[in-house]
Amino acid sequence: MGNLAGAKVEIYKLEDNGTFTLKWEENTTNGADLADIGNFNTHAMELEDESFYLYKVTGGDDWDADDDGNKDANCHYKQRYNQSSSLKGSEWSKEGWIDGILKVY
């Protein structure tokens, strides 16, 4: 799977009692080239170092479905796509580790 444009991103905090609290909702960017596609505000600078967070990504248009590093001529809609990843706040690269969630999985 390649870069996702227009995907919905929900960022949850794992609470001490085991529940999740929705903290932020974002949408990934679209663009003319792959570097501009799939970006969003990670809120990395706002994360508490000792807390855990769940990033849930749904939907979006995949512009590099074959993962060859080139933008596809046509996007592949991921209506049923759903991916999530969790990390401790201190483990996030404040420069945007989230890139791995949208462009590696």
C-alpha atoms as a PDB file:
ATOM      1  CA  MET A   1       0.000   0.000   0.000  1.00  0.00           C
ATOM      2  CA  GLY A   2       1.223   3.460  -0.840  1.00  0.00           C
ATOM      3  CA  ASN A   3       0.443   7.024   0.144  1.00  0.00           C
ATOM      4  CA  LEU A   4      -3.172   7.641   1.229  1.00  0.00           C
ATOM      5  CA  ALA A   5      -4.919  10.897   0.322  1.00  0.00           C
ATOM      6  CA  GLY A   6      -8.130  11.888   2.042  1.00  0.00           C
ATOM      7  CA  ALA A   7      -7.899   9.205   4.730  1.00  0.00           C
ATOM      8  CA  LYS A   8      -9.534   9.855   8.084  1.00  0.00           C
ATOM      9  CA  VAL A   9      -7.141   9.779  11.047  1.00  0.00           C
ATOM     10  CA  GLU A  10      -8.414   9.470  14.600  1.00  0.00           C
ATOM     11  CA  ILE A  11      -5.953   9.898  17.458  1.00  0.00           C
ATOM     12  CA  TYR A  12      -6.915   8.335  20.791  1.00  0.00           C
ATOM     13  CA  LYS A  13      -5.256   8.412  24.189  1.00  0.00           C
ATOM     14  CA  LEU A  14      -5.261   5.185  26.210  1.00  0.00           C
ATOM     15  CA  GLU A  15      -6.499   6.072  29.681  1.00  0.00           C
ATOM     16  CA  ASP A  16      -5.343   4.432  32.914  1.00  0.00           C
ATOM     17  CA  ASN A  17      -8.661   2.555  33.196  1.00  0.00           C
ATOM     18  CA  GLY A  18      -8.174   0.933  29.768  1.00  0.00           C
ATOM     19  CA  THR A  19     -10.602   3.128  27.838  1.00  0.00           C
ATOM     20  CA  PHE A  20      -9.720   5.268  24.832  1.00  0.00           C
ATOM     21  CA  THR A  21     -10.420   8.999  24.596  1.00  0.00           C
ATOM     22  CA  LEU A  22     -10.598  10.591  21.151  1.00  0.00           C
ATOM     23  CA  LYS A  23      -8.187  13.537  21.227  1.00  0.00           C
ATOM     24  CA  TRP A  24      -7.952  14.682  17.584  1.00  0.00           C
ATOM     25  CA  GLU A  25      -9.378  13.979  14.131  1.00  0.00           C
ATOM     26  CA  GLU A  26      -7.423  14.778  10.978  1.00  0.00           C
ATOM     27  CA  ASN A  27      -7.555  14.071   7.235  1.00  0.00           C
ATOM     28  CA  THR A  28      -4.525  13.230   5.136  1.00  0.00           C
ATOM     29  CA  THR A  29      -3.488  15.604   2.368  1.00  0.00           C
ATOM     30  CA  ASN A  30      -3.750  15.213  -1.375  1.00  0.00           C
ATOM     31  CA  GLY A  31      -1.151  16.610  -3.741  1.00  0.00           C
ATOM     32  CA  ALA A  32       0.572  16.638  -7.090  1.00  0.00           C
ATOM     33  CA  ASP A  33       3.335  14.221  -6.043  1.00  0.00           C
ATOM     34  CA  LEU A  34       3.824  11.503  -3.446  1.00  0.00           C
ATOM     35  CA  ALA A  35       5.670  13.783  -1.022  1.00  0.00           C
ATOM     36  CA  ASP A  36       2.530  15.905  -0.717  1.00  0.00           C
ATOM     37  CA  ILE A  37       0.134  12.980  -0.255  1.00  0.00           C
ATOM     38  CA  GLY A  38      -0.716  11.364   3.075  1.00  0.00           C
ATOM     39  CA  ASN A  39       0.454  14.110   5.421  1.00  0.00           C
ATOM     40  CA  PHE A  40      -1.469  15.272   8.476  1.00  0.00           C
ATOM     41  CA  ASN A  41      -0.976  16.916  11.862  1.00  0.00           C
ATOM     42  CA  THR A  42       0.343  14.155  14.133  1.00  0.00           C
ATOM     43  CA  HIS A  43       0.022  16.302  17.272  1.00  0.00           C
ATOM     44  CA  ALA A  44       3.393  14.806  18.263  1.00  0.00           C
ATOM     45  CA  MET A  45       4.412  17.882  20.254  1.00  0.00           C
ATOM     46  CA  GLU A  46       1.193  17.625  22.287  1.00  0.00           C
ATOM     47  CA  LEU A  47       1.622  13.969  23.318  1.00  0.00           C
ATOM     48  CA  GLU A  48       2.404  13.129  26.924  1.00  0.00           C
ATOM     49  CA  ASP A  49       5.647  11.129  27.024  1.00  0.00           C
ATOM     50  CA  GLU A  50       4.387   8.451  29.420  1.00  0.00           C
ATOM     51  CA  SER A  51       0.953   7.949  27.811  1.00  0.00           C
ATOM     52  CA  PHE A  52       0.014   5.578  25.003  1.00  0.00           C
ATOM     53  CA  TYR A  53      -1.807   6.698  21.862  1.00  0.00           C
ATOM     54  CA  LEU A  54      -3.724   4.874  19.163  1.00  0.00           C
ATOM     55  CA  TYR A  55      -3.718   6.246  15.613  1.00  0.00           C
ATOM     56  CA  LYS A  56      -6.568   4.811  13.553  1.00  0.00           C
ATOM     57  CA  VAL A  57      -6.545   5.394   9.779  1.00  0.00           C
ATOM     58  CA  THR A  58      -9.565   4.607   7.617  1.00  0.00           C
ATOM     59  CA  GLY A  59     -10.388   5.067   3.937  1.00  0.00           C
ATOM     60  CA  GLY A  60      -8.409   7.225   1.570  1.00  0.00           C
ATOM     61  CA  ASP A  61      -7.092   7.079  -1.967  1.00  0.00           C
ATOM     62  CA  ASP A  62      -3.940   5.011  -2.476  1.00  0.00           C
ATOM     63  CA  TRP A  63      -1.680   6.782  -4.993  1.00  0.00           C
ATOM     64  CA  ASP A  64       1.151   4.219  -4.948  1.00  0.00           C
ATOM     65  CA  ALA A  65      -0.640   0.879  -4.731  1.00  0.00           C
ATOM     66  CA  ASP A  66       2.319  -1.084  -6.110  1.00  0.00           C
ATOM     67  CA  ASP A  67       4.789   0.616  -3.723  1.00  0.00           C
ATOM     68  CA  ASP A  68       7.248   1.432  -6.507  1.00  0.00           C
ATOM     69  CA  GLY A  69       7.763   5.015  -5.306  1.00  0.00           C
ATOM     70  CA  ASN A  70       5.982   6.528  -8.308  1.00  0.00           C
ATOM     71  CA  LYS A  71       2.561   8.159  -8.250  1.00  0.00           C
ATOM     72  CA  ASP A  72       0.024   5.939  -9.996  1.00  0.00           C
ATOM     73  CA  ALA A  73      -1.942   7.308 -12.958  1.00  0.00           C
ATOM     74  CA  ASN A  74      -5.177   6.496 -11.105  1.00  0.00           C
ATOM     75  CA  CYS A  75      -5.817   6.177  -7.401  1.00  0.00           C
ATOM     76  CA  HIS A  76      -7.093   3.022  -5.758  1.00  0.00           C
ATOM     77  CA  TYR A  77      -9.880   3.830  -3.311  1.00  0.00           C
ATOM     78  CA  LYS A  78      -9.498   2.149   0.072  1.00  0.00           C
ATOM     79  CA  GLN A  79     -13.086   2.452   1.293  1.00  0.00           C
ATOM     80  CA  ARG A  80     -12.772  -0.534   3.596  1.00  0.00           C
ATOM     81  CA  TYR A  81      -9.149   0.112   4.570  1.00  0.00           C
ATOM     82  CA  ASN A  82      -8.622   0.285   8.312  1.00  0.00           C
ATOM     83  CA  GLN A  83      -5.203   0.369   9.987  1.00  0.00           C
ATOM     84  CA  SER A  84      -4.201   1.287  13.496  1.00  0.00           C
ATOM     85  CA  SER A  85      -0.971   1.588  15.400  1.00  0.00           C
ATOM     86  CA  SER A  86      -0.163   2.524  18.979  1.00  0.00           C
ATOM     87  CA  LEU A  87       2.925   3.992  20.580  1.00  0.00           C
ATOM     88  CA  LYS A  88       4.025   5.578  23.800  1.00  0.00           C
ATOM     89  CA  GLY A  89       4.202   9.368  23.493  1.00  0.00           C
ATOM     90  CA  SER A  90       7.965   9.395  24.172  1.00  0.00           C
ATOM     91  CA  GLU A  91       8.585   6.918  21.316  1.00  0.00           C
ATOM     92  CA  TRP A  92       7.284   9.280  18.645  1.00  0.00           C
ATOM     93  CA  SER A  93       9.739  11.127  16.526  1.00  0.00           C
ATOM     94  CA  LYS A  94       8.654  14.709  16.957  1.00  0.00           C
ATOM     95  CA  GLU A  95       9.461  15.171  13.247  1.00  0.00           C
ATOM     96  CA  GLY A  96       6.659  12.853  12.137  1.00  0.00           C
ATOM     97  CA  TRP A  97       7.029   9.103  12.711  1.00  0.00           C
ATOM     98  CA  ILE A  98       3.429   8.771  11.505  1.00  0.00           C
ATOM     99  CA  ASP A  99       4.805   8.670   7.956  1.00  0.00           C
ATOM    100  CA  GLY A 100       5.495   4.987   8.572  1.00  0.00           C
ATOM    101  CA  ILE A 101       1.876   4.183   9.374  1.00  0.00           C
ATOM    102  CA  LEU A 102       0.533   5.655   6.153  1.00  0.00           C
ATOM    103  CA  LYS A 103       3.306   4.684   3.811  1.00  0.00           C
ATOM    104  CA  VAL A 104       4.577   1.325   5.087  1.00  0.00           C
ATOM    105  CA  TYR A 105       1.550  -0.698   6.143  1.00  0.00           C
END
